Amino acid sequence: MSGPGQKNPRVVPCPTCGREVPWTPASRWRPFCSERCRLIDLGQWAAERYRIPGEEAPSGARGPEGEREDER
């Protein structure tokens, strides 16, 4: 692993385009290579193209605001 005083920082691939991104404070959008790639990823989450696996809520379950899932 690279520490803060080492000359060769860890390099990670951008999750959106695969470009190599140095893992340093100078890499403003890390782990993304740019704001564009960060916003593309955010849009994918907002469009529900990415999902975290889990069990489906039972019918009539309440959401985080106290409303029933079937009332949304």
N, C-alpha and C. Protein backbone atom coordinates (compact mmCIF):
# COMPACT_ATOMS: atom_id res chain seq x y z
N MET A 1 0.83 -1.19 0.00
CA MET A 1 0.00 0.00 0.00
C MET A 1 0.87 1.24 0.00
N SER A 2 0.34 2.30 -0.59
CA SER A 2 1.06 3.55 -0.61
C SER A 2 0.65 4.42 0.55
N GLY A 3 1.62 5.01 1.18
CA GLY A 3 1.35 5.91 2.29
C GLY A 3 1.45 7.35 1.83
N PRO A 4 1.15 8.31 2.70
CA PRO A 4 1.15 9.70 2.30
C PRO A 4 2.53 10.22 1.89
N GLY A 5 3.61 9.63 2.41
CA GLY A 5 4.93 10.12 2.08
C GLY A 5 5.58 9.42 0.89
N GLN A 6 4.92 8.46 0.28
CA GLN A 6 5.50 7.73 -0.83
C GLN A 6 5.30 8.48 -2.13
N LYS A 7 6.24 8.27 -3.06
CA LYS A 7 6.21 8.99 -4.33
C LYS A 7 5.23 8.41 -5.33
N ASN A 8 4.99 7.11 -5.29
CA ASN A 8 4.07 6.48 -6.24
C ASN A 8 2.75 6.16 -5.56
N PRO A 9 1.74 7.03 -5.76
CA PRO A 9 0.46 6.78 -5.10
C PRO A 9 -0.26 5.59 -5.73
N ARG A 10 -1.19 5.04 -4.97
CA ARG A 10 -2.03 3.95 -5.50
C ARG A 10 -2.82 4.50 -6.69
N VAL A 11 -2.98 3.70 -7.70
CA VAL A 11 -3.74 4.07 -8.89
C VAL A 11 -4.94 3.13 -8.98
N VAL A 12 -6.13 3.71 -9.16
CA VAL A 12 -7.35 2.92 -9.26
C VAL A 12 -8.05 3.24 -10.59
N PRO A 13 -8.80 2.30 -11.14
CA PRO A 13 -9.55 2.59 -12.36
C PRO A 13 -10.81 3.38 -12.05
N CYS A 14 -11.14 4.34 -12.89
CA CYS A 14 -12.39 5.09 -12.77
C CYS A 14 -13.53 4.09 -12.95
N PRO A 15 -14.51 4.05 -12.03
CA PRO A 15 -15.61 3.09 -12.14
C PRO A 15 -16.47 3.29 -13.39
N THR A 16 -16.44 4.49 -13.97
CA THR A 16 -17.28 4.77 -15.13
C THR A 16 -16.58 4.47 -16.45
N CYS A 17 -15.36 4.99 -16.63
CA CYS A 17 -14.69 4.85 -17.93
C CYS A 17 -13.45 3.97 -17.90
N GLY A 18 -12.93 3.66 -16.71
CA GLY A 18 -11.77 2.80 -16.60
C GLY A 18 -10.43 3.52 -16.64
N ARG A 19 -10.43 4.83 -16.85
CA ARG A 19 -9.18 5.59 -16.87
C ARG A 19 -8.48 5.47 -15.51
N GLU A 20 -7.17 5.42 -15.51
CA GLU A 20 -6.41 5.31 -14.25
C GLU A 20 -6.44 6.64 -13.50
N VAL A 21 -6.73 6.55 -12.19
CA VAL A 21 -6.82 7.73 -11.34
C VAL A 21 -5.88 7.55 -10.15
N PRO A 22 -4.92 8.47 -9.97
CA PRO A 22 -4.07 8.37 -8.78
C PRO A 22 -4.87 8.69 -7.53
N TRP A 23 -4.70 7.90 -6.48
CA TRP A 23 -5.46 8.08 -5.24
C TRP A 23 -4.70 9.08 -4.36
N THR A 24 -4.85 10.36 -4.69
CA THR A 24 -4.19 11.43 -3.95
C THR A 24 -5.19 12.55 -3.69
N PRO A 25 -4.91 13.43 -2.73
CA PRO A 25 -5.80 14.57 -2.49
C PRO A 25 -5.97 15.47 -3.72
N ALA A 26 -4.99 15.46 -4.62
CA ALA A 26 -5.07 16.26 -5.84
C ALA A 26 -6.11 15.71 -6.82
N SER A 27 -6.48 14.45 -6.69
CA SER A 27 -7.49 13.84 -7.56
C SER A 27 -8.86 14.18 -6.97
N ARG A 28 -9.37 15.31 -7.35
CA ARG A 28 -10.57 15.88 -6.75
C ARG A 28 -11.79 14.97 -6.80
N TRP A 29 -11.95 14.23 -7.87
CA TRP A 29 -13.18 13.44 -8.04
C TRP A 29 -12.99 11.96 -7.73
N ARG A 30 -11.87 11.58 -7.12
CA ARG A 30 -11.59 10.16 -6.88
C ARG A 30 -12.75 9.45 -6.18
N PRO A 31 -13.09 8.27 -6.54
CA PRO A 31 -12.38 7.36 -7.43
C PRO A 31 -12.66 7.61 -8.91
N PHE A 32 -13.43 8.64 -9.21
CA PHE A 32 -13.73 8.97 -10.61
C PHE A 32 -12.63 9.85 -11.18
N CYS A 33 -12.49 9.85 -12.50
CA CYS A 33 -11.44 10.65 -13.13
C CYS A 33 -11.89 12.09 -13.34
N SER A 34 -13.21 12.32 -13.34
CA SER A 34 -13.71 13.68 -13.61
C SER A 34 -15.10 13.84 -13.01
N GLU A 35 -15.55 15.07 -12.97
CA GLU A 35 -16.90 15.33 -12.49
C GLU A 35 -17.92 14.68 -13.43
N ARG A 36 -17.63 14.67 -14.71
CA ARG A 36 -18.53 14.04 -15.68
C ARG A 36 -18.78 12.58 -15.34
N CYS A 37 -17.70 11.82 -15.08
CA CYS A 37 -17.85 10.40 -14.74
C CYS A 37 -18.59 10.24 -13.42
N ARG A 38 -18.33 11.13 -12.46
CA ARG A 38 -19.03 11.07 -11.18
C ARG A 38 -20.53 11.28 -11.37
N LEU A 39 -20.90 12.26 -12.22
CA LEU A 39 -22.32 12.54 -12.45
C LEU A 39 -23.00 11.43 -13.25
N ILE A 40 -22.29 10.81 -14.16
CA ILE A 40 -22.84 9.66 -14.89
C ILE A 40 -23.19 8.56 -13.90
N ASP A 41 -22.28 8.27 -12.97
CA ASP A 41 -22.52 7.24 -11.97
C ASP A 41 -23.71 7.61 -11.08
N LEU A 42 -23.77 8.86 -10.65
CA LEU A 42 -24.89 9.31 -9.82
C LEU A 42 -26.22 9.16 -10.57
N GLY A 43 -26.21 9.49 -11.85
CA GLY A 43 -27.41 9.33 -12.67
C GLY A 43 -27.86 7.88 -12.78
N GLN A 44 -26.88 6.96 -12.84
CA GLN A 44 -27.22 5.54 -12.90
C GLN A 44 -27.94 5.12 -11.62
N TRP A 45 -27.45 5.60 -10.46
CA TRP A 45 -28.13 5.29 -9.18
C TRP A 45 -29.52 5.92 -9.16
N ALA A 46 -29.63 7.17 -9.60
CA ALA A 46 -30.92 7.87 -9.56
C ALA A 46 -31.95 7.19 -10.48
N ALA A 47 -31.48 6.63 -11.58
CA ALA A 47 -32.38 5.95 -12.52
C ALA A 47 -32.65 4.50 -12.08
N GLU A 48 -32.10 4.12 -10.93
CA GLU A 48 -32.26 2.78 -10.37
C GLU A 48 -31.69 1.69 -11.27
N ARG A 49 -30.62 2.03 -12.01
CA ARG A 49 -29.94 1.01 -12.81
C ARG A 49 -28.99 0.20 -11.95
N TYR A 50 -28.56 0.78 -10.82
CA TYR A 50 -27.76 0.06 -9.84
C TYR A 50 -28.67 -0.23 -8.66
N ARG A 51 -28.53 -1.38 -8.09
CA ARG A 51 -29.34 -1.75 -6.93
C ARG A 51 -28.50 -2.53 -5.94
N ILE A 52 -28.80 -2.36 -4.69
CA ILE A 52 -28.16 -3.13 -3.64
C ILE A 52 -29.05 -4.32 -3.37
N PRO A 53 -28.52 -5.54 -3.46
CA PRO A 53 -29.38 -6.71 -3.27
C PRO A 53 -29.97 -6.76 -1.86
N GLY A 54 -31.18 -7.22 -1.80
CA GLY A 54 -31.87 -7.37 -0.53
C GLY A 54 -33.24 -7.96 -0.76
N GLU A 55 -33.91 -8.21 0.33
CA GLU A 55 -35.24 -8.78 0.22
C GLU A 55 -36.26 -7.68 -0.06
N GLU A 56 -37.27 -8.02 -0.84
CA GLU A 56 -38.32 -7.07 -1.15
C GLU A 56 -39.16 -6.82 0.10
N ALA A 57 -39.57 -5.56 0.29
CA ALA A 57 -40.37 -5.20 1.46
C ALA A 57 -41.75 -5.84 1.35
N PRO A 58 -42.30 -6.30 2.46
CA PRO A 58 -43.65 -6.88 2.42
C PRO A 58 -44.69 -5.82 2.05
N SER A 59 -45.78 -6.26 1.46
CA SER A 59 -46.87 -5.37 1.08
C SER A 59 -47.36 -4.61 2.30
N GLY A 60 -47.51 -3.30 2.18
CA GLY A 60 -47.99 -2.49 3.28
C GLY A 60 -46.89 -2.00 4.21
N ALA A 61 -45.63 -2.32 3.89
CA ALA A 61 -44.52 -1.88 4.75
C ALA A 61 -44.38 -0.37 4.67
N ARG A 62 -43.86 0.22 5.71
CA ARG A 62 -43.67 1.67 5.77
C ARG A 62 -42.27 2.04 5.30
N GLY A 63 -42.19 3.13 4.52
CA GLY A 63 -40.91 3.64 4.04
C GLY A 63 -40.25 4.51 5.10
N PRO A 64 -39.12 5.14 4.77
CA PRO A 64 -38.38 5.94 5.75
C PRO A 64 -39.16 7.17 6.24
N GLU A 65 -40.08 7.70 5.46
CA GLU A 65 -40.88 8.85 5.88
C GLU A 65 -42.19 8.43 6.54
N GLY A 66 -42.37 7.14 6.77
CA GLY A 66 -43.58 6.66 7.42
C GLY A 66 -44.73 6.38 6.47
N GLU A 67 -44.52 6.61 5.18
CA GLU A 67 -45.59 6.32 4.23
C GLU A 67 -45.50 4.87 3.78
N ARG A 68 -46.63 4.33 3.41
CA ARG A 68 -46.62 2.94 2.94
C ARG A 68 -46.02 2.88 1.55
N GLU A 69 -45.30 1.81 1.27
CA GLU A 69 -44.66 1.62 -0.02
C GLU A 69 -45.67 1.70 -1.17
N ASP A 70 -46.88 1.19 -0.99
CA ASP A 70 -47.86 1.18 -2.07
C ASP A 70 -48.58 2.51 -2.22
N GLU A 71 -48.25 3.53 -1.39
CA GLU A 71 -48.83 4.85 -1.52
C GLU A 71 -47.94 5.82 -2.27
N ARG A 72 -46.77 5.39 -2.65
CA ARG A 72 -45.81 6.29 -3.34
C ARG A 72 -46.20 6.53 -4.76
